[in-house]
Amino acid sequence: MKKIIVLITILVIYGCNNTPYLQENSAFILWKTSSFKYADMGFIYQNSDEVKLQIYANGQSVMSLRVMEDSICMSALECMSKTNFNQKVLNSNYPKDILTHILKAKPIFDKKDIKYTQSGFIQNIKKANSYNIKYKVSKNKIEFIDTLNNITIKIIKDI
């Protein structure tokens, strides 16, 4: 019986152990959608499996997003598929991995209309009645603006 308890304890401890984050950046984060509006300092954590975004106000975490391979968790409780997250928070016409690409500063929409710059790239992507996106990535700044849907995500790292 004692061996079983020890085995269960070991499984619980190591089974709940997440992969450590390989990158951690402080950042000023502006997040503006119809359902959320935040602008404050925060952190972006990244490993091979997920990206985590945390925004703080007055030293308290006011928003937390964990973006994993198949789902997105908001705060500690609500998790949903990436497609469902886009429908509820962003735009249903966006590709399911758009938030992952934005947080990792990677091109979106399969590099559609990409123009490379000295420090990154710019994409201007339009679809009538669906979106009008300007996405700009440079060394320490990510800027995603959809004027048609009034969505802005700006991240300025290591301020």
C-alpha atoms as a PDB file:
ATOM      1  CA  MET A   1       0.000   0.000   0.000  1.00  0.00           C
ATOM      2  CA  LYS A   2       2.830   2.370   0.876  1.00  0.00           C
ATOM      3  CA  LYS A   3       4.450   1.780  -2.548  1.00  0.00           C
ATOM      4  CA  ILE A   4       1.206   2.606  -4.324  1.00  0.00           C
ATOM      5  CA  ILE A   5       0.867   5.908  -2.455  1.00  0.00           C
ATOM      6  CA  VAL A   6       4.477   6.827  -3.274  1.00  0.00           C
ATOM      7  CA  LEU A   7       3.940   5.903  -6.954  1.00  0.00           C
ATOM      8  CA  ILE A   8       0.743   7.975  -7.184  1.00  0.00           C
ATOM      9  CA  THR A   9       2.478  10.924  -5.523  1.00  0.00           C
ATOM     10  CA  ILE A  10       5.366  10.748  -8.012  1.00  0.00           C
ATOM     11  CA  LEU A  11       2.966  10.533 -10.965  1.00  0.00           C
ATOM     12  CA  VAL A  12       0.966  13.527  -9.744  1.00  0.00           C
ATOM     13  CA  ILE A  13       4.080  15.659  -9.181  1.00  0.00           C
ATOM     14  CA  TYR A  14       5.780  14.825 -12.475  1.00  0.00           C
ATOM     15  CA  GLY A  15       2.594  14.440 -14.505  1.00  0.00           C
ATOM     16  CA  CYS A  16       1.578  18.027 -13.766  1.00  0.00           C
ATOM     17  CA  ASN A  17       5.024  19.406 -14.477  1.00  0.00           C
ATOM     18  CA  ASN A  18       4.886  21.702 -17.531  1.00  0.00           C
ATOM     19  CA  THR A  19       7.773  22.220 -19.899  1.00  0.00           C
ATOM     20  CA  PRO A  20       9.727  25.211 -18.590  1.00  0.00           C
ATOM     21  CA  TYR A  21       9.546  28.417 -20.576  1.00  0.00           C
ATOM     22  CA  LEU A  22      12.666  28.948 -22.673  1.00  0.00           C
ATOM     23  CA  GLN A  23      12.015  32.624 -23.346  1.00  0.00           C
ATOM     24  CA  GLU A  24      10.643  35.288 -21.043  1.00  0.00           C
ATOM     25  CA  ASN A  25      10.283  38.908 -22.098  1.00  0.00           C
ATOM     26  CA  SER A  26       8.847  41.851 -20.251  1.00  0.00           C
ATOM     27  CA  ALA A  27       6.731  44.006 -22.513  1.00  0.00           C
ATOM     28  CA  PHE A  28       4.235  46.792 -22.777  1.00  0.00           C
ATOM     29  CA  ILE A  29       1.088  45.100 -24.076  1.00  0.00           C
ATOM     30  CA  LEU A  30      -1.909  46.787 -25.644  1.00  0.00           C
ATOM     31  CA  TRP A  31      -4.827  44.451 -26.314  1.00  0.00           C
ATOM     32  CA  LYS A  32      -8.017  45.973 -27.689  1.00  0.00           C
ATOM     33  CA  THR A  33     -10.939  43.921 -28.987  1.00  0.00           C
ATOM     34  CA  SER A  34     -14.686  44.232 -28.526  1.00  0.00           C
ATOM     35  CA  SER A  35     -14.488  41.915 -25.498  1.00  0.00           C
ATOM     36  CA  PHE A  36     -11.185  42.997 -23.854  1.00  0.00           C
ATOM     37  CA  LYS A  37      -9.331  46.255 -23.468  1.00  0.00           C
ATOM     38  CA  TYR A  38      -5.989  46.224 -21.641  1.00  0.00           C
ATOM     39  CA  ALA A  39      -2.877  48.330 -21.843  1.00  0.00           C
ATOM     40  CA  ASP A  40      -0.114  47.795 -19.304  1.00  0.00           C
ATOM     41  CA  MET A  41       3.131  46.033 -18.592  1.00  0.00           C
ATOM     42  CA  GLY A  42       3.255  42.287 -18.806  1.00  0.00           C
ATOM     43  CA  PHE A  43       5.268  39.259 -19.778  1.00  0.00           C
ATOM     44  CA  ILE A  44       5.437  36.901 -22.726  1.00  0.00           C
ATOM     45  CA  TYR A  45       6.634  33.388 -21.928  1.00  0.00           C
ATOM     46  CA  GLN A  46       7.461  30.905 -24.658  1.00  0.00           C
ATOM     47  CA  ASN A  47       8.561  27.306 -25.053  1.00  0.00           C
ATOM     48  CA  SER A  48       8.217  24.782 -27.851  1.00  0.00           C
ATOM     49  CA  ASP A  49       4.668  23.826 -26.811  1.00  0.00           C
ATOM     50  CA  GLU A  50       2.992  27.106 -25.899  1.00  0.00           C
ATOM     51  CA  VAL A  51       3.055  30.871 -25.556  1.00  0.00           C
ATOM     52  CA  LYS A  52       1.746  32.580 -22.452  1.00  0.00           C
ATOM     53  CA  LEU A  53       0.820  36.249 -22.251  1.00  0.00           C
ATOM     54  CA  GLN A  54       0.227  37.965 -18.909  1.00  0.00           C
ATOM     55  CA  ILE A  55      -0.792  41.582 -18.410  1.00  0.00           C
ATOM     56  CA  TYR A  56      -0.470  43.262 -15.023  1.00  0.00           C
ATOM     57  CA  ALA A  57      -2.077  46.381 -13.563  1.00  0.00           C
ATOM     58  CA  ASN A  58      -1.043  47.684 -10.161  1.00  0.00           C
ATOM     59  CA  GLY A  59       1.037  44.550  -9.620  1.00  0.00           C
ATOM     60  CA  GLN A  60      -1.923  42.209 -10.153  1.00  0.00           C
ATOM     61  CA  SER A  61      -2.426  39.901 -13.129  1.00  0.00           C
ATOM     62  CA  VAL A  62      -5.492  41.209 -14.978  1.00  0.00           C
ATOM     63  CA  MET A  63      -5.273  39.003 -18.061  1.00  0.00           C
ATOM     64  CA  SER A  64      -3.586  35.711 -18.785  1.00  0.00           C
ATOM     65  CA  LEU A  65      -3.646  33.821 -22.089  1.00  0.00           C
ATOM     66  CA  ARG A  66      -2.058  30.421 -22.649  1.00  0.00           C
ATOM     67  CA  VAL A  67      -1.870  29.584 -26.323  1.00  0.00           C
ATOM     68  CA  MET A  68      -1.214  25.888 -26.848  1.00  0.00           C
ATOM     69  CA  GLU A  69      -1.172  23.730 -29.978  1.00  0.00           C
ATOM     70  CA  ASP A  70      -4.929  23.132 -30.131  1.00  0.00           C
ATOM     71  CA  SER A  71      -6.443  25.489 -27.562  1.00  0.00           C
ATOM     72  CA  ILE A  72      -6.303  28.850 -25.842  1.00  0.00           C
ATOM     73  CA  CYS A  73      -6.917  29.292 -22.122  1.00  0.00           C
ATOM     74  CA  MET A  74      -7.975  32.645 -20.742  1.00  0.00           C
ATOM     75  CA  SER A  75      -7.031  33.255 -17.118  1.00  0.00           C
ATOM     76  CA  ALA A  76      -6.948  29.960 -15.237  1.00  0.00           C
ATOM     77  CA  LEU A  77     -10.353  28.569 -16.013  1.00  0.00           C
ATOM     78  CA  GLU A  78     -11.789  29.061 -19.500  1.00  0.00           C
ATOM     79  CA  CYS A  79     -10.182  27.061 -22.313  1.00  0.00           C
ATOM     80  CA  MET A  80     -11.481  26.805 -25.861  1.00  0.00           C
ATOM     81  CA  SER A  81     -10.374  25.748 -29.298  1.00  0.00           C
ATOM     82  CA  LYS A  82      -8.422  28.287 -31.340  1.00  0.00           C
ATOM     83  CA  THR A  83     -11.292  28.475 -33.822  1.00  0.00           C
ATOM     84  CA  ASN A  84     -13.773  29.181 -31.029  1.00  0.00           C
ATOM     85  CA  PHE A  85     -11.426  31.799 -29.527  1.00  0.00           C
ATOM     86  CA  ASN A  86     -11.249  33.579 -32.887  1.00  0.00           C
ATOM     87  CA  GLN A  87     -15.061  33.536 -33.151  1.00  0.00           C
ATOM     88  CA  LYS A  88     -15.593  34.892 -29.627  1.00  0.00           C
ATOM     89  CA  VAL A  89     -12.640  37.261 -29.199  1.00  0.00           C
ATOM     90  CA  LEU A  90     -11.018  38.091 -32.539  1.00  0.00           C
ATOM     91  CA  ASN A  91     -12.667  37.378 -35.900  1.00  0.00           C
ATOM     92  CA  SER A  92     -14.109  34.143 -37.264  1.00  0.00           C
ATOM     93  CA  ASN A  93     -12.484  34.832 -40.660  1.00  0.00           C
ATOM     94  CA  TYR A  94      -8.973  34.634 -39.210  1.00  0.00           C
ATOM     95  CA  PRO A  95      -6.892  31.452 -39.543  1.00  0.00           C
ATOM     96  CA  LYS A  96      -6.975  29.385 -36.350  1.00  0.00           C
ATOM     97  CA  ASP A  97      -3.259  29.917 -35.550  1.00  0.00           C
ATOM     98  CA  ILE A  98      -3.213  33.679 -36.013  1.00  0.00           C
ATOM     99  CA  LEU A  99      -2.725  34.486 -32.315  1.00  0.00           C
ATOM    100  CA  THR A 100       0.162  32.011 -32.022  1.00  0.00           C
ATOM    101  CA  HIS A 101       1.844  33.626 -35.021  1.00  0.00           C
ATOM    102  CA  ILE A 102       1.312  37.146 -33.643  1.00  0.00           C
ATOM    103  CA  LEU A 103       2.704  36.308 -30.200  1.00  0.00           C
ATOM    104  CA  LYS A 104       5.705  34.540 -31.781  1.00  0.00           C
ATOM    105  CA  ALA A 105       6.230  37.439 -34.253  1.00  0.00           C
ATOM    106  CA  LYS A 106       5.774  35.169 -37.269  1.00  0.00           C
ATOM    107  CA  PRO A 107       4.056  35.974 -40.571  1.00  0.00           C
ATOM    108  CA  ILE A 108       0.307  35.411 -40.772  1.00  0.00           C
ATOM    109  CA  PHE A 109      -1.954  34.187 -43.590  1.00  0.00           C
ATOM    110  CA  ASP A 110       0.841  32.040 -45.100  1.00  0.00           C
ATOM    111  CA  LYS A 111       3.037  35.149 -45.664  1.00  0.00           C
ATOM    112  CA  LYS A 112       0.416  36.775 -47.901  1.00  0.00           C
ATOM    113  CA  ASP A 113       1.509  40.235 -49.163  1.00  0.00           C
ATOM    114  CA  ILE A 114       4.654  40.180 -47.022  1.00  0.00           C
ATOM    115  CA  LYS A 115       7.301  42.854 -47.450  1.00  0.00           C
ATOM    116  CA  TYR A 116      10.567  42.346 -45.606  1.00  0.00           C
ATOM    117  CA  THR A 117      12.274  45.300 -43.915  1.00  0.00           C
ATOM    118  CA  GLN A 118      15.710  45.694 -42.338  1.00  0.00           C
ATOM    119  CA  SER A 119      14.377  44.729 -38.920  1.00  0.00           C
ATOM    120  CA  GLY A 120      11.413  42.471 -39.736  1.00  0.00           C
ATOM    121  CA  PHE A 121       8.433  42.551 -42.065  1.00  0.00           C
ATOM    122  CA  ILE A 122       5.095  44.203 -42.839  1.00  0.00           C
ATOM    123  CA  GLN A 123       1.898  42.597 -44.107  1.00  0.00           C
ATOM    124  CA  ASN A 124      -1.147  44.507 -45.363  1.00  0.00           C
ATOM    125  CA  ILE A 125      -3.974  42.033 -45.812  1.00  0.00           C
ATOM    126  CA  LYS A 126      -7.504  42.895 -46.879  1.00  0.00           C
ATOM    127  CA  LYS A 127     -10.638  40.913 -47.510  1.00  0.00           C
ATOM    128  CA  ALA A 128     -13.797  42.871 -48.318  1.00  0.00           C
ATOM    129  CA  ASN A 129     -16.291  42.944 -45.448  1.00  0.00           C
ATOM    130  CA  SER A 130     -14.059  40.624 -43.353  1.00  0.00           C
ATOM    131  CA  TYR A 131     -10.808  42.336 -42.325  1.00  0.00           C
ATOM    132  CA  ASN A 132      -8.327  45.089 -43.097  1.00  0.00           C
ATOM    133  CA  ILE A 133      -5.086  44.142 -41.357  1.00  0.00           C
ATOM    134  CA  LYS A 134      -1.782  45.916 -40.999  1.00  0.00           C
ATOM    135  CA  TYR A 135       0.698  43.612 -39.288  1.00  0.00           C
ATOM    136  CA  LYS A 136       4.190  44.871 -38.589  1.00  0.00           C
ATOM    137  CA  VAL A 137       7.025  43.039 -36.847  1.00  0.00           C
ATOM    138  CA  SER A 138      10.377  44.608 -36.017  1.00  0.00           C
ATOM    139  CA  LYS A 139      13.161  43.733 -33.605  1.00  0.00           C
ATOM    140  CA  ASN A 140      11.301  44.507 -30.349  1.00  0.00           C
ATOM    141  CA  LYS A 141       7.822  45.428 -31.539  1.00  0.00           C
ATOM    142  CA  ILE A 142       4.779  43.543 -32.797  1.00  0.00           C
ATOM    143  CA  GLU A 143       1.856  45.542 -34.109  1.00  0.00           C
ATOM    144  CA  PHE A 144      -1.383  43.958 -35.357  1.00  0.00           C
ATOM    145  CA  ILE A 145      -4.180  46.316 -36.329  1.00  0.00           C
ATOM    146  CA  ASP A 146      -7.439  45.345 -38.007  1.00  0.00           C
ATOM    147  CA  THR A 147      -9.237  48.618 -38.724  1.00  0.00           C
ATOM    148  CA  LEU A 148     -12.382  46.931 -40.038  1.00  0.00           C
ATOM    149  CA  ASN A 149     -12.931  44.933 -36.813  1.00  0.00           C
ATOM    150  CA  ASN A 150     -11.413  47.468 -34.397  1.00  0.00           C
ATOM    151  CA  ILE A 151      -8.800  45.000 -33.103  1.00  0.00           C
ATOM    152  CA  THR A 152      -5.366  46.129 -31.935  1.00  0.00           C
ATOM    153  CA  ILE A 153      -2.617  44.006 -30.429  1.00  0.00           C
ATOM    154  CA  LYS A 154       0.685  45.790 -29.771  1.00  0.00           C
ATOM    155  CA  ILE A 155       3.632  44.331 -27.939  1.00  0.00           C
ATOM    156  CA  ILE A 156       6.766  46.330 -27.224  1.00  0.00           C
ATOM    157  CA  LYS A 157       9.341  43.994 -25.676  1.00  0.00           C
ATOM    158  CA  ASP A 158      12.008  44.717 -23.074  1.00  0.00           C
ATOM    159  CA  ILE A 159      11.046  48.273 -22.168  1.00  0.00           C
END
